[in-house]
PDB file of all heavy atoms in Angstrom:
ATOM      1  N   ILE A   1       0.846  -1.198  -0.052  1.00  0.00           N
ATOM      2  CA  ILE A   1      -0.060   0.038   0.041  1.00  0.00           C
ATOM      3  C   ILE A   1       0.924   1.192   0.040  1.00  0.00           C
ATOM      4  O   ILE A   1       1.702   1.355   0.828  1.00  0.00           O
ATOM      5  CB  ILE A   1      -0.938  -0.046   1.194  1.00  0.00           C
ATOM      6  CG1 ILE A   1      -1.719  -1.253   1.156  1.00  0.00           C
ATOM      7  CG2 ILE A   1      -1.721   1.265   1.332  1.00  0.00           C
ATOM      8  CD1 ILE A   1      -2.495  -1.490   2.658  1.00  0.00           C
ATOM      9  N   THR A   2       0.630   2.150  -0.906  1.00  0.00           N
ATOM     10  CA  THR A   2       1.508   3.208  -0.981  1.00  0.00           C
ATOM     11  C   THR A   2       0.727   4.590  -0.781  1.00  0.00           C
ATOM     12  O   THR A   2      -0.505   4.611  -1.065  1.00  0.00           O
ATOM     13  CB  THR A   2       2.162   3.527  -2.494  1.00  0.00           C
ATOM     14  OG1 THR A   2       1.227   3.637  -3.458  1.00  0.00           O
ATOM     15  CG2 THR A   2       2.992   2.273  -2.844  1.00  0.00           C
ATOM     16  N   LEU A   3       1.297   5.671  -0.263  1.00  0.00           N
ATOM     17  CA  LEU A   3       0.760   6.865  -0.006  1.00  0.00           C
ATOM     18  C   LEU A   3       1.713   8.072  -0.020  1.00  0.00           C
ATOM     19  O   LEU A   3       2.758   7.789   0.198  1.00  0.00           O
ATOM     20  CB  LEU A   3      -0.091   6.829   1.251  1.00  0.00           C
ATOM     21  CG  LEU A   3       0.678   6.502   2.472  1.00  0.00           C
ATOM     22  CD1 LEU A   3       0.900   7.821   3.313  1.00  0.00           C
ATOM     23  CD2 LEU A   3       0.025   5.444   3.337  1.00  0.00           C
ATOM     24  N   GLY A   4       1.151   9.359  -0.256  1.00  0.00           N
ATOM     25  CA  GLY A   4       1.911  10.475  -0.166  1.00  0.00           C
ATOM     26  C   GLY A   4       1.141  11.649  -0.699  1.00  0.00           C
ATOM     27  O   GLY A   4      -0.017  11.530  -1.161  1.00  0.00           O
ATOM     28  N   ASN A   5       1.720  12.830  -0.486  1.00  0.00           N
ATOM     29  CA  ASN A   5       0.982  14.083  -0.914  1.00  0.00           C
ATOM     30  C   ASN A   5       1.646  14.796  -2.110  1.00  0.00           C
ATOM     31  O   ASN A   5       2.855  14.715  -2.138  1.00  0.00           O
ATOM     32  CB  ASN A   5       1.024  15.060   0.275  1.00  0.00           C
ATOM     33  CG  ASN A   5       0.271  14.602   1.510  1.00  0.00           C
ATOM     34  OD1 ASN A   5      -0.931  14.519   1.483  1.00  0.00           O
ATOM     35  ND2 ASN A   5       1.022  14.284   2.475  1.00  0.00           N
ATOM     36  N   GLY A   6       0.898  15.511  -2.868  1.00  0.00           N
ATOM     37  CA  GLY A   6       1.535  16.270  -3.958  1.00  0.00           C
ATOM     38  C   GLY A   6       2.386  15.439  -4.951  1.00  0.00           C
ATOM     39  O   GLY A   6       1.791  14.288  -5.417  1.00  0.00           O
ATOM     40  N   GLY A   7       3.567  15.795  -5.173  1.00  0.00           N
ATOM     41  CA  GLY A   7       4.482  15.082  -6.041  1.00  0.00           C
ATOM     42  C   GLY A   7       4.665  13.619  -5.504  1.00  0.00           C
ATOM     43  O   GLY A   7       4.785  12.637  -6.225  1.00  0.00           O
ATOM     44  N   SER A   8       4.660  13.374  -4.163  1.00  0.00           N
ATOM     45  CA  SER A   8       4.891  12.050  -3.569  1.00  0.00           C
ATOM     46  C   SER A   8       3.582  11.195  -3.702  1.00  0.00           C
ATOM     47  O   SER A   8       3.677  10.001  -3.882  1.00  0.00           O
ATOM     48  CB  SER A   8       5.126  12.233  -2.087  1.00  0.00           C
ATOM     49  OG  SER A   8       6.334  12.877  -1.820  1.00  0.00           O
ATOM     50  N   ALA A   9       2.454  11.899  -3.995  1.00  0.00           N
ATOM     51  CA  ALA A   9       1.237  11.139  -4.361  1.00  0.00           C
ATOM     52  C   ALA A   9       1.305  10.551  -5.722  1.00  0.00           C
ATOM     53  O   ALA A   9       0.942   9.391  -5.956  1.00  0.00           O
ATOM     54  CB  ALA A   9       0.104  12.052  -4.254  1.00  0.00           C
ATOM     55  N   MET A  10       1.858  11.340  -6.652  1.00  0.00           N
ATOM     56  CA  MET A  10       2.004  10.865  -7.904  1.00  0.00           C
ATOM     57  C   MET A  10       3.105   9.674  -8.015  1.00  0.00           C
ATOM     58  O   MET A  10       2.983   8.902  -8.782  1.00  0.00           O
ATOM     59  CB  MET A  10       2.459  12.029  -8.835  1.00  0.00           C
ATOM     60  CG  MET A  10       1.497  13.168  -8.933  1.00  0.00           C
ATOM     61  SD  MET A  10      -0.308  12.557  -9.140  1.00  0.00           S
ATOM     62  CE  MET A  10      -0.212  11.747 -10.702  1.00  0.00           C
ATOM     63  N   THR A  11       4.118   9.915  -7.167  1.00  0.00           N
ATOM     64  CA  THR A  11       5.167   8.812  -7.074  1.00  0.00           C
ATOM     65  C   THR A  11       4.528   7.494  -6.509  1.00  0.00           C
ATOM     66  O   THR A  11       4.801   6.465  -6.905  1.00  0.00           O
ATOM     67  CB  THR A  11       6.252   9.298  -6.179  1.00  0.00           C
ATOM     68  OG1 THR A  11       6.875  10.395  -6.870  1.00  0.00           O
ATOM     69  CG2 THR A  11       7.319   8.126  -6.061  1.00  0.00           C
ATOM     70  N   ALA A  12       3.610   7.669  -5.489  1.00  0.00           N
ATOM     71  CA  ALA A  12       2.990   6.434  -4.930  1.00  0.00           C
ATOM     72  C   ALA A  12       2.072   5.854  -5.858  1.00  0.00           C
ATOM     73  O   ALA A  12       2.032   4.522  -6.072  1.00  0.00           O
ATOM     74  CB  ALA A  12       2.066   7.060  -3.767  1.00  0.00           C
ATOM     75  N   LEU A  13       1.389   6.662  -6.822  1.00  0.00           N
ATOM     76  CA  LEU A  13       0.482   6.105  -7.770  1.00  0.00           C
ATOM     77  C   LEU A  13       1.396   5.425  -8.928  1.00  0.00           C
ATOM     78  O   LEU A  13       1.117   4.355  -9.352  1.00  0.00           O
ATOM     79  CB  LEU A  13      -0.233   7.237  -8.494  1.00  0.00           C
ATOM     80  CG  LEU A  13      -1.247   6.931  -9.575  1.00  0.00           C
ATOM     81  CD1 LEU A  13      -2.345   5.934  -9.048  1.00  0.00           C
ATOM     82  CD2 LEU A  13      -1.983   8.103 -10.019  1.00  0.00           C
ATOM     83  N   HIS A  14       2.596   6.122  -9.298  1.00  0.00           N
ATOM     84  CA  HIS A  14       3.459   5.470 -10.314  1.00  0.00           C
ATOM     85  C   HIS A  14       3.983   4.153  -9.886  1.00  0.00           C
ATOM     86  O   HIS A  14       4.026   3.201 -10.632  1.00  0.00           O
ATOM     87  CB  HIS A  14       4.630   6.505 -10.483  1.00  0.00           C
ATOM     88  CG  HIS A  14       5.509   6.213 -11.551  1.00  0.00           C
ATOM     89  ND1 HIS A  14       6.183   7.139 -12.161  1.00  0.00           N
ATOM     90  CD2 HIS A  14       5.740   5.035 -12.332  1.00  0.00           C
ATOM     91  CE1 HIS A  14       7.122   6.618 -13.051  1.00  0.00           C
ATOM     92  NE2 HIS A  14       6.859   5.297 -13.311  1.00  0.00           N
ATOM     93  N   PHE A  15       4.322   4.072  -8.477  1.00  0.00           N
ATOM     94  CA  PHE A  15       4.863   2.745  -8.049  1.00  0.00           C
ATOM     95  C   PHE A  15       3.767   1.576  -8.302  1.00  0.00           C
ATOM     96  O   PHE A  15       4.256   0.595  -8.803  1.00  0.00           O
ATOM     97  CB  PHE A  15       4.999   2.844  -6.452  1.00  0.00           C
ATOM     98  CG  PHE A  15       6.249   3.559  -6.017  1.00  0.00           C
ATOM     99  CD1 PHE A  15       7.206   4.175  -6.843  1.00  0.00           C
ATOM    100  CD2 PHE A  15       6.498   3.663  -4.676  1.00  0.00           C
ATOM    101  CE1 PHE A  15       8.219   4.767  -6.426  1.00  0.00           C
ATOM    102  CE2 PHE A  15       7.661   4.246  -4.223  1.00  0.00           C
ATOM    103  CZ  PHE A  15       8.523   4.911  -5.064  1.00  0.00           C
ATOM    104  N   ILE A  16       2.548   1.926  -7.896  1.00  0.00           N
ATOM    105  CA  ILE A  16       1.533   0.792  -8.079  1.00  0.00           C
ATOM    106  C   ILE A  16       1.218   0.528  -9.477  1.00  0.00           C
ATOM    107  O   ILE A  16       1.013  -0.644  -9.950  1.00  0.00           O
ATOM    108  CB  ILE A  16       0.367   1.114  -7.205  1.00  0.00           C
ATOM    109  CG1 ILE A  16       0.515   1.257  -5.773  1.00  0.00           C
ATOM    110  CG2 ILE A  16      -0.797   0.186  -7.588  1.00  0.00           C
ATOM    111  CD1 ILE A  16       1.292   0.015  -5.247  1.00  0.00           C
ATOM    112  N   THR A  17       1.266   1.426 -10.434  1.00  0.00           N
ATOM    113  CA  THR A  17       1.065   1.316 -11.804  1.00  0.00           C
ATOM    114  C   THR A  17       2.111   0.463 -12.377  1.00  0.00           C
ATOM    115  O   THR A  17       1.924  -0.594 -13.042  1.00  0.00           O
ATOM    116  CB  THR A  17       1.043   2.623 -12.590  1.00  0.00           C
ATOM    117  OG1 THR A  17      -0.045   3.489 -11.994  1.00  0.00           O
ATOM    118  CG2 THR A  17       0.875   2.426 -14.032  1.00  0.00           C
ATOM    119  N   ASP A  18       3.442   0.695 -12.149  1.00  0.00           N
ATOM    120  CA  ASP A  18       4.547  -0.075 -12.590  1.00  0.00           C
ATOM    121  C   ASP A  18       4.539  -1.407 -11.945  1.00  0.00           C
ATOM    122  O   ASP A  18       4.711  -2.478 -12.628  1.00  0.00           O
ATOM    123  CB  ASP A  18       5.871   0.712 -12.360  1.00  0.00           C
ATOM    124  CG  ASP A  18       6.204   1.889 -13.375  1.00  0.00           C
ATOM    125  OD1 ASP A  18       5.422   2.043 -14.277  1.00  0.00           O
ATOM    126  OD2 ASP A  18       7.220   2.434 -13.055  1.00  0.00           O
ATOM    127  N   TRP A  19       4.427  -1.465 -10.633  1.00  0.00           N
ATOM    128  CA  TRP A  19       4.607  -2.689 -10.012  1.00  0.00           C
ATOM    129  C   TRP A  19       3.514  -3.727 -10.376  1.00  0.00           C
ATOM    130  O   TRP A  19       3.812  -4.823 -10.607  1.00  0.00           O
ATOM    131  CB  TRP A  19       4.758  -2.573  -8.485  1.00  0.00           C
ATOM    132  CG  TRP A  19       5.826  -1.733  -7.964  1.00  0.00           C
ATOM    133  CD1 TRP A  19       6.852  -1.328  -8.802  1.00  0.00           C
ATOM    134  CD2 TRP A  19       6.088  -1.188  -6.717  1.00  0.00           C
ATOM    135  NE1 TRP A  19       7.739  -0.597  -8.094  1.00  0.00           N
ATOM    136  CE2 TRP A  19       7.274  -0.406  -6.815  1.00  0.00           C
ATOM    137  CE3 TRP A  19       5.339  -1.188  -5.571  1.00  0.00           C
ATOM    138  CZ2 TRP A  19       7.796   0.206  -5.684  1.00  0.00           C
ATOM    139  CZ3 TRP A  19       5.811  -0.551  -4.384  1.00  0.00           C
ATOM    140  CH2 TRP A  19       7.137   0.094  -4.557  1.00  0.00           C
ATOM    141  N   ASN A  20       2.241  -3.238 -10.260  1.00  0.00           N
ATOM    142  CA  ASN A  20       1.185  -4.111 -10.519  1.00  0.00           C
ATOM    143  C   ASN A  20       1.211  -4.792 -11.983  1.00  0.00           C
ATOM    144  O   ASN A  20       1.135  -5.902 -12.346  1.00  0.00           O
ATOM    145  CB  ASN A  20      -0.262  -3.431 -10.390  1.00  0.00           C
ATOM    146  CG  ASN A  20      -0.618  -3.404  -8.892  1.00  0.00           C
ATOM    147  OD1 ASN A  20      -0.023  -3.944  -8.044  1.00  0.00           O
ATOM    148  ND2 ASN A  20      -1.739  -2.711  -8.742  1.00  0.00           N
ATOM    149  N   LYS A  21       1.438  -3.863 -12.985  1.00  0.00           N
ATOM    150  CA  LYS A  21       1.483  -4.215 -14.408  1.00  0.00           C
ATOM    151  C   LYS A  21       2.685  -5.151 -14.763  1.00  0.00           C
ATOM    152  O   LYS A  21       2.697  -6.190 -15.148  1.00  0.00           O
ATOM    153  CB  LYS A  21       1.353  -3.174 -15.337  1.00  0.00           C
ATOM    154  CG  LYS A  21       1.430  -3.402 -16.859  1.00  0.00           C
ATOM    155  CD  LYS A  21       1.358  -2.136 -17.547  1.00  0.00           C
ATOM    156  CE  LYS A  21       1.725  -2.330 -18.972  1.00  0.00           C
ATOM    157  NZ  LYS A  21       3.180  -2.192 -19.233  1.00  0.00           N
ATOM    158  N   ALA A  22       3.830  -4.522 -14.498  1.00  0.00           N
ATOM    159  CA  ALA A  22       5.149  -5.002 -14.989  1.00  0.00           C
ATOM    160  C   ALA A  22       5.568  -6.386 -14.207  1.00  0.00           C
ATOM    161  O   ALA A  22       5.966  -7.263 -14.889  1.00  0.00           O
ATOM    162  CB  ALA A  22       6.314  -4.036 -14.883  1.00  0.00           C
ATOM    163  N   VAL A  23       5.193  -6.377 -12.958  1.00  0.00           N
ATOM    164  CA  VAL A  23       5.609  -7.590 -12.265  1.00  0.00           C
ATOM    165  C   VAL A  23       4.769  -8.734 -12.652  1.00  0.00           C
ATOM    166  O   VAL A  23       5.300  -9.810 -12.916  1.00  0.00           O
ATOM    167  CB  VAL A  23       5.556  -7.413 -10.707  1.00  0.00           C
ATOM    168  CG1 VAL A  23       5.731  -8.692  -9.880  1.00  0.00           C
ATOM    169  CG2 VAL A  23       6.568  -6.352 -10.199  1.00  0.00           C
ATOM    170  N   TYR A  24       3.507  -8.567 -12.913  1.00  0.00           N
ATOM    171  CA  TYR A  24       2.590  -9.713 -13.203  1.00  0.00           C
ATOM    172  C   TYR A  24       2.912 -10.097 -14.731  1.00  0.00           C
ATOM    173  O   TYR A  24       3.037 -11.294 -14.892  1.00  0.00           O
ATOM    174  CB  TYR A  24       1.131  -9.168 -13.269  1.00  0.00           C
ATOM    175  CG  TYR A  24       0.172 -10.337 -13.642  1.00  0.00           C
ATOM    176  CD1 TYR A  24      -0.078 -11.504 -12.896  1.00  0.00           C
ATOM    177  CD2 TYR A  24      -0.362 -10.235 -14.993  1.00  0.00           C
ATOM    178  CE1 TYR A  24      -0.907 -12.499 -13.331  1.00  0.00           C
ATOM    179  CE2 TYR A  24      -1.143 -11.205 -15.386  1.00  0.00           C
ATOM    180  CZ  TYR A  24      -1.425 -12.372 -14.537  1.00  0.00           C
ATOM    181  OH  TYR A  24      -2.190 -13.331 -15.050  1.00  0.00           O
ATOM    182  N   LEU A  25       3.198  -9.156 -15.611  1.00  0.00           N
ATOM    183  CA  LEU A  25       3.512  -9.479 -16.966  1.00  0.00           C
ATOM    184  C   LEU A  25       4.854 -10.298 -17.077  1.00  0.00           C
ATOM    185  O   LEU A  25       4.975 -11.211 -17.793  1.00  0.00           O
ATOM    186  CB  LEU A  25       3.469  -8.301 -17.855  1.00  0.00           C
ATOM    187  CG  LEU A  25       2.277  -7.605 -18.256  1.00  0.00           C
ATOM    188  CD1 LEU A  25       2.389  -6.369 -18.997  1.00  0.00           C
ATOM    189  CD2 LEU A  25       1.192  -8.595 -18.857  1.00  0.00           C
ATOM    190  N   ALA A  26       5.898  -9.843 -16.202  1.00  0.00           N
ATOM    191  CA  ALA A  26       7.139 -10.507 -16.223  1.00  0.00           C
ATOM    192  C   ALA A  26       7.045 -11.905 -15.606  1.00  0.00           C
ATOM    193  O   ALA A  26       7.855 -12.722 -15.931  1.00  0.00           O
ATOM    194  CB  ALA A  26       8.089  -9.657 -15.647  1.00  0.00           C
ATOM    195  N   THR A  27       6.283 -11.998 -14.610  1.00  0.00           N
ATOM    196  CA  THR A  27       6.486 -13.311 -13.704  1.00  0.00           C
ATOM    197  C   THR A  27       5.130 -14.091 -13.573  1.00  0.00           C
ATOM    198  O   THR A  27       5.339 -15.293 -13.243  1.00  0.00           O
ATOM    199  CB  THR A  27       6.799 -12.921 -12.223  1.00  0.00           C
ATOM    200  OG1 THR A  27       5.623 -12.313 -11.693  1.00  0.00           O
ATOM    201  CG2 THR A  27       8.057 -11.998 -12.105  1.00  0.00           C
ATOM    202  N   GLY A  28       4.008 -13.505 -13.959  1.00  0.00           N
ATOM    203  CA  GLY A  28       2.796 -14.222 -13.872  1.00  0.00           C
ATOM    204  C   GLY A  28       2.179 -14.279 -12.477  1.00  0.00           C
ATOM    205  O   GLY A  28       1.102 -14.927 -12.249  1.00  0.00           O
ATOM    206  N   LYS A  29       2.972 -13.745 -11.522  1.00  0.00           N
ATOM    207  CA  LYS A  29       2.490 -13.712 -10.137  1.00  0.00           C
ATOM    208  C   LYS A  29       2.033 -12.114  -9.987  1.00  0.00           C
ATOM    209  O   LYS A  29       2.693 -11.306  -9.866  1.00  0.00           O
ATOM    210  CB  LYS A  29       3.643 -14.072  -9.111  1.00  0.00           C
ATOM    211  CG  LYS A  29       3.221 -14.056  -7.727  1.00  0.00           C
ATOM    212  CD  LYS A  29       4.334 -14.446  -6.704  1.00  0.00           C
ATOM    213  CE  LYS A  29       4.062 -14.418  -5.359  1.00  0.00           C
ATOM    214  NZ  LYS A  29       2.907 -15.069  -4.837  1.00  0.00           N
TER     215      LYS A  29
END
């Protein structure tokens, strides 16, 4: 679970976007 304010909010969102999509596509998990 990620969280932050302002620019850090966008970083928190970016983390989950990258991690959810890329990790699943690369590993199937």
